[in-house]
Amino acid sequence: MAFIGWIISVCAMLSGLAMKQDLPIPYADQIANGLLFAAFLACPGFWKDAPFGIGRKPRVMACIAMIFALPLVLMRP
């Protein structure tokens, strides 16, 4: 499980940094911030000793909710 967390964390971090740097689409900054937050939630290194008092299950559910909410951010008003 930690290996999957590291993969998700690295992919989300790199894609968030790439979006901040290169993409001129609308809402790119909000999506990039969400990806960087997902990288923070998925990283097992930060949460090894649960310094913030949040367990693994709530973090995984928050990350999945952010992934499923992405189409709502991409829809135009």
N, C-alpha and C. Protein backbone atom coordinates (compact mmCIF):
# COMPACT_ATOMS: atom_id res chain seq x y z
N MET A 1 0.83 -1.20 0.00
CA MET A 1 0.00 0.00 0.00
C MET A 1 0.87 1.26 0.00
N ALA A 2 1.98 1.21 0.71
CA ALA A 2 2.86 2.38 0.75
C ALA A 2 3.46 2.64 -0.63
N PHE A 3 3.75 1.58 -1.37
CA PHE A 3 4.31 1.74 -2.71
C PHE A 3 3.33 2.45 -3.63
N ILE A 4 2.05 2.10 -3.54
CA ILE A 4 1.02 2.78 -4.34
C ILE A 4 0.89 4.23 -3.91
N GLY A 5 0.99 4.47 -2.62
CA GLY A 5 0.95 5.85 -2.13
C GLY A 5 2.10 6.68 -2.66
N TRP A 6 3.30 6.09 -2.71
CA TRP A 6 4.44 6.82 -3.26
C TRP A 6 4.25 7.10 -4.75
N ILE A 7 3.72 6.14 -5.49
CA ILE A 7 3.48 6.35 -6.92
C ILE A 7 2.48 7.46 -7.14
N ILE A 8 1.36 7.43 -6.41
CA ILE A 8 0.34 8.48 -6.56
C ILE A 8 0.92 9.82 -6.15
N SER A 9 1.68 9.84 -5.08
CA SER A 9 2.25 11.09 -4.59
C SER A 9 3.22 11.71 -5.60
N VAL A 10 4.11 10.91 -6.15
CA VAL A 10 5.08 11.44 -7.11
C VAL A 10 4.38 11.90 -8.39
N CYS A 11 3.44 11.10 -8.88
CA CYS A 11 2.72 11.48 -10.11
C CYS A 11 1.91 12.76 -9.91
N ALA A 12 1.22 12.88 -8.79
CA ALA A 12 0.43 14.07 -8.52
C ALA A 12 1.32 15.29 -8.33
N MET A 13 2.46 15.12 -7.66
CA MET A 13 3.36 16.25 -7.46
C MET A 13 3.94 16.75 -8.78
N LEU A 14 4.42 15.83 -9.60
CA LEU A 14 5.01 16.24 -10.88
C LEU A 14 3.98 16.85 -11.82
N SER A 15 2.77 16.29 -11.85
CA SER A 15 1.75 16.86 -12.71
C SER A 15 1.27 18.21 -12.19
N GLY A 16 1.20 18.38 -10.88
CA GLY A 16 0.83 19.68 -10.33
C GLY A 16 1.87 20.75 -10.64
N LEU A 17 3.14 20.40 -10.51
CA LEU A 17 4.19 21.35 -10.85
C LEU A 17 4.21 21.68 -12.33
N ALA A 18 3.96 20.68 -13.18
CA ALA A 18 3.92 20.91 -14.63
C ALA A 18 2.74 21.81 -14.99
N MET A 19 1.59 21.61 -14.34
CA MET A 19 0.43 22.46 -14.63
C MET A 19 0.69 23.89 -14.20
N LYS A 20 1.32 24.09 -13.07
CA LYS A 20 1.62 25.45 -12.63
C LYS A 20 2.57 26.16 -13.59
N GLN A 21 3.46 25.40 -14.18
CA GLN A 21 4.49 26.00 -15.03
C GLN A 21 4.01 26.25 -16.46
N ASP A 22 3.29 25.30 -17.06
CA ASP A 22 3.12 25.32 -18.51
C ASP A 22 1.71 25.53 -19.04
N LEU A 23 0.67 25.17 -18.31
CA LEU A 23 -0.65 25.17 -18.91
C LEU A 23 -1.36 26.51 -18.78
N PRO A 24 -1.78 27.08 -19.89
CA PRO A 24 -2.49 28.36 -19.84
C PRO A 24 -4.02 28.21 -19.82
N ILE A 25 -4.55 27.01 -19.55
CA ILE A 25 -6.00 26.82 -19.58
C ILE A 25 -6.64 27.46 -18.35
N PRO A 26 -7.94 27.79 -18.46
CA PRO A 26 -8.62 28.34 -17.29
C PRO A 26 -8.66 27.31 -16.16
N TYR A 27 -8.62 27.76 -14.95
CA TYR A 27 -8.65 26.94 -13.74
C TYR A 27 -7.42 26.04 -13.58
N ALA A 28 -6.37 26.26 -14.34
CA ALA A 28 -5.17 25.42 -14.22
C ALA A 28 -4.52 25.59 -12.85
N ASP A 29 -4.58 26.78 -12.30
CA ASP A 29 -3.96 27.02 -10.99
C ASP A 29 -4.70 26.26 -9.89
N GLN A 30 -6.04 26.24 -9.94
CA GLN A 30 -6.80 25.52 -8.94
C GLN A 30 -6.57 24.01 -9.06
N ILE A 31 -6.51 23.50 -10.28
CA ILE A 31 -6.28 22.07 -10.47
C ILE A 31 -4.87 21.71 -10.01
N ALA A 32 -3.90 22.57 -10.30
CA ALA A 32 -2.52 22.31 -9.87
C ALA A 32 -2.42 22.30 -8.35
N ASN A 33 -3.10 23.23 -7.69
CA ASN A 33 -3.10 23.23 -6.22
C ASN A 33 -3.76 21.97 -5.67
N GLY A 34 -4.82 21.51 -6.31
CA GLY A 34 -5.47 20.27 -5.89
C GLY A 34 -4.56 19.07 -6.06
N LEU A 35 -3.81 19.04 -7.15
CA LEU A 35 -2.88 17.94 -7.37
C LEU A 35 -1.75 17.96 -6.34
N LEU A 36 -1.26 19.13 -6.01
CA LEU A 36 -0.22 19.21 -4.98
C LEU A 36 -0.76 18.81 -3.61
N PHE A 37 -2.00 19.14 -3.33
CA PHE A 37 -2.61 18.72 -2.07
C PHE A 37 -2.83 17.21 -2.06
N ALA A 38 -3.21 16.64 -3.21
CA ALA A 38 -3.36 15.18 -3.31
C ALA A 38 -2.01 14.49 -3.11
N ALA A 39 -0.95 15.10 -3.61
CA ALA A 39 0.39 14.54 -3.40
C ALA A 39 0.74 14.55 -1.92
N PHE A 40 0.36 15.61 -1.22
CA PHE A 40 0.60 15.70 0.22
C PHE A 40 -0.22 14.65 0.97
N LEU A 41 -1.48 14.45 0.55
CA LEU A 41 -2.33 13.47 1.23
C LEU A 41 -1.85 12.03 1.00
N ALA A 42 -1.32 11.76 -0.19
CA ALA A 42 -0.96 10.39 -0.54
C ALA A 42 0.45 10.00 -0.10
N CYS A 43 1.27 10.95 0.28
CA CYS A 43 2.67 10.66 0.59
C CYS A 43 2.81 9.91 1.92
N PRO A 44 3.29 8.67 1.87
CA PRO A 44 3.44 7.91 3.13
C PRO A 44 4.54 8.46 4.03
N GLY A 45 5.51 9.16 3.48
CA GLY A 45 6.60 9.69 4.30
C GLY A 45 6.14 10.73 5.30
N PHE A 46 5.20 11.58 4.93
CA PHE A 46 4.69 12.60 5.85
C PHE A 46 3.83 12.00 6.95
N TRP A 47 3.14 10.93 6.62
CA TRP A 47 2.13 10.40 7.52
C TRP A 47 2.58 9.12 8.22
N LYS A 48 3.86 8.84 8.23
CA LYS A 48 4.36 7.60 8.81
C LYS A 48 3.99 7.47 10.28
N ASP A 49 4.14 8.53 11.03
CA ASP A 49 3.80 8.50 12.46
C ASP A 49 2.51 9.23 12.77
N ALA A 50 1.73 9.59 11.75
CA ALA A 50 0.48 10.32 11.91
C ALA A 50 0.67 11.58 12.74
N PRO A 51 1.53 12.51 12.29
CA PRO A 51 1.81 13.68 13.12
C PRO A 51 0.62 14.62 13.28
N PHE A 52 -0.31 14.57 12.35
CA PHE A 52 -1.46 15.48 12.43
C PHE A 52 -2.69 14.79 12.99
N GLY A 53 -2.56 13.53 13.38
CA GLY A 53 -3.67 12.81 13.96
C GLY A 53 -4.69 12.32 12.95
N ILE A 54 -4.32 12.22 11.69
CA ILE A 54 -5.23 11.76 10.66
C ILE A 54 -4.74 10.39 10.19
N GLY A 55 -5.62 9.42 10.21
CA GLY A 55 -5.25 8.07 9.81
C GLY A 55 -5.21 7.91 8.30
N ARG A 56 -4.92 6.69 7.86
CA ARG A 56 -4.77 6.42 6.44
C ARG A 56 -6.11 6.45 5.71
N LYS A 57 -7.15 5.89 6.31
CA LYS A 57 -8.42 5.77 5.62
C LYS A 57 -9.04 7.14 5.27
N PRO A 58 -9.09 8.10 6.19
CA PRO A 58 -9.63 9.41 5.81
C PRO A 58 -8.81 10.12 4.72
N ARG A 59 -7.48 9.93 4.75
CA ARG A 59 -6.65 10.55 3.72
C ARG A 59 -6.92 9.94 2.36
N VAL A 60 -7.05 8.62 2.31
CA VAL A 60 -7.32 7.95 1.04
C VAL A 60 -8.69 8.36 0.52
N MET A 61 -9.68 8.44 1.38
CA MET A 61 -11.01 8.85 0.95
C MET A 61 -11.02 10.29 0.45
N ALA A 62 -10.27 11.17 1.09
CA ALA A 62 -10.18 12.56 0.62
C ALA A 62 -9.50 12.63 -0.74
N CYS A 63 -8.47 11.83 -0.94
CA CYS A 63 -7.77 11.82 -2.23
C CYS A 63 -8.69 11.29 -3.33
N ILE A 64 -9.44 10.24 -3.05
CA ILE A 64 -10.38 9.69 -4.03
C ILE A 64 -11.49 10.69 -4.32
N ALA A 65 -11.98 11.36 -3.31
CA ALA A 65 -13.02 12.38 -3.52
C ALA A 65 -12.51 13.52 -4.39
N MET A 66 -11.25 13.92 -4.19
CA MET A 66 -10.68 14.98 -5.02
C MET A 66 -10.55 14.53 -6.47
N ILE A 67 -10.18 13.28 -6.68
CA ILE A 67 -10.06 12.76 -8.05
C ILE A 67 -11.42 12.71 -8.73
N PHE A 68 -12.45 12.25 -8.01
CA PHE A 68 -13.78 12.18 -8.61
C PHE A 68 -14.42 13.56 -8.79
N ALA A 69 -14.00 14.56 -8.02
CA ALA A 69 -14.54 15.91 -8.15
C ALA A 69 -13.86 16.72 -9.26
N LEU A 70 -12.81 16.20 -9.81
CA LEU A 70 -12.09 16.93 -10.86
C LEU A 70 -12.98 17.28 -12.07
N PRO A 71 -13.85 16.40 -12.56
CA PRO A 71 -14.72 16.81 -13.68
C PRO A 71 -15.62 18.00 -13.33
N LEU A 72 -16.00 18.15 -12.06
CA LEU A 72 -16.81 19.30 -11.68
C LEU A 72 -16.04 20.60 -11.79
N VAL A 73 -14.74 20.54 -11.54
CA VAL A 73 -13.91 21.72 -11.67
C VAL A 73 -13.71 22.08 -13.14
N LEU A 74 -13.63 21.06 -13.99
CA LEU A 74 -13.36 21.30 -15.40
C LEU A 74 -14.59 21.76 -16.18
N MET A 75 -15.80 21.57 -15.63
CA MET A 75 -17.02 22.02 -16.32
C MET A 75 -17.08 23.53 -16.31
N ARG A 76 -17.49 24.06 -17.43
CA ARG A 76 -17.63 25.52 -17.52
C ARG A 76 -18.99 25.95 -17.00
N PRO A 77 -19.06 27.11 -16.33
CA PRO A 77 -20.35 27.56 -15.78
C PRO A 77 -21.31 28.04 -16.84
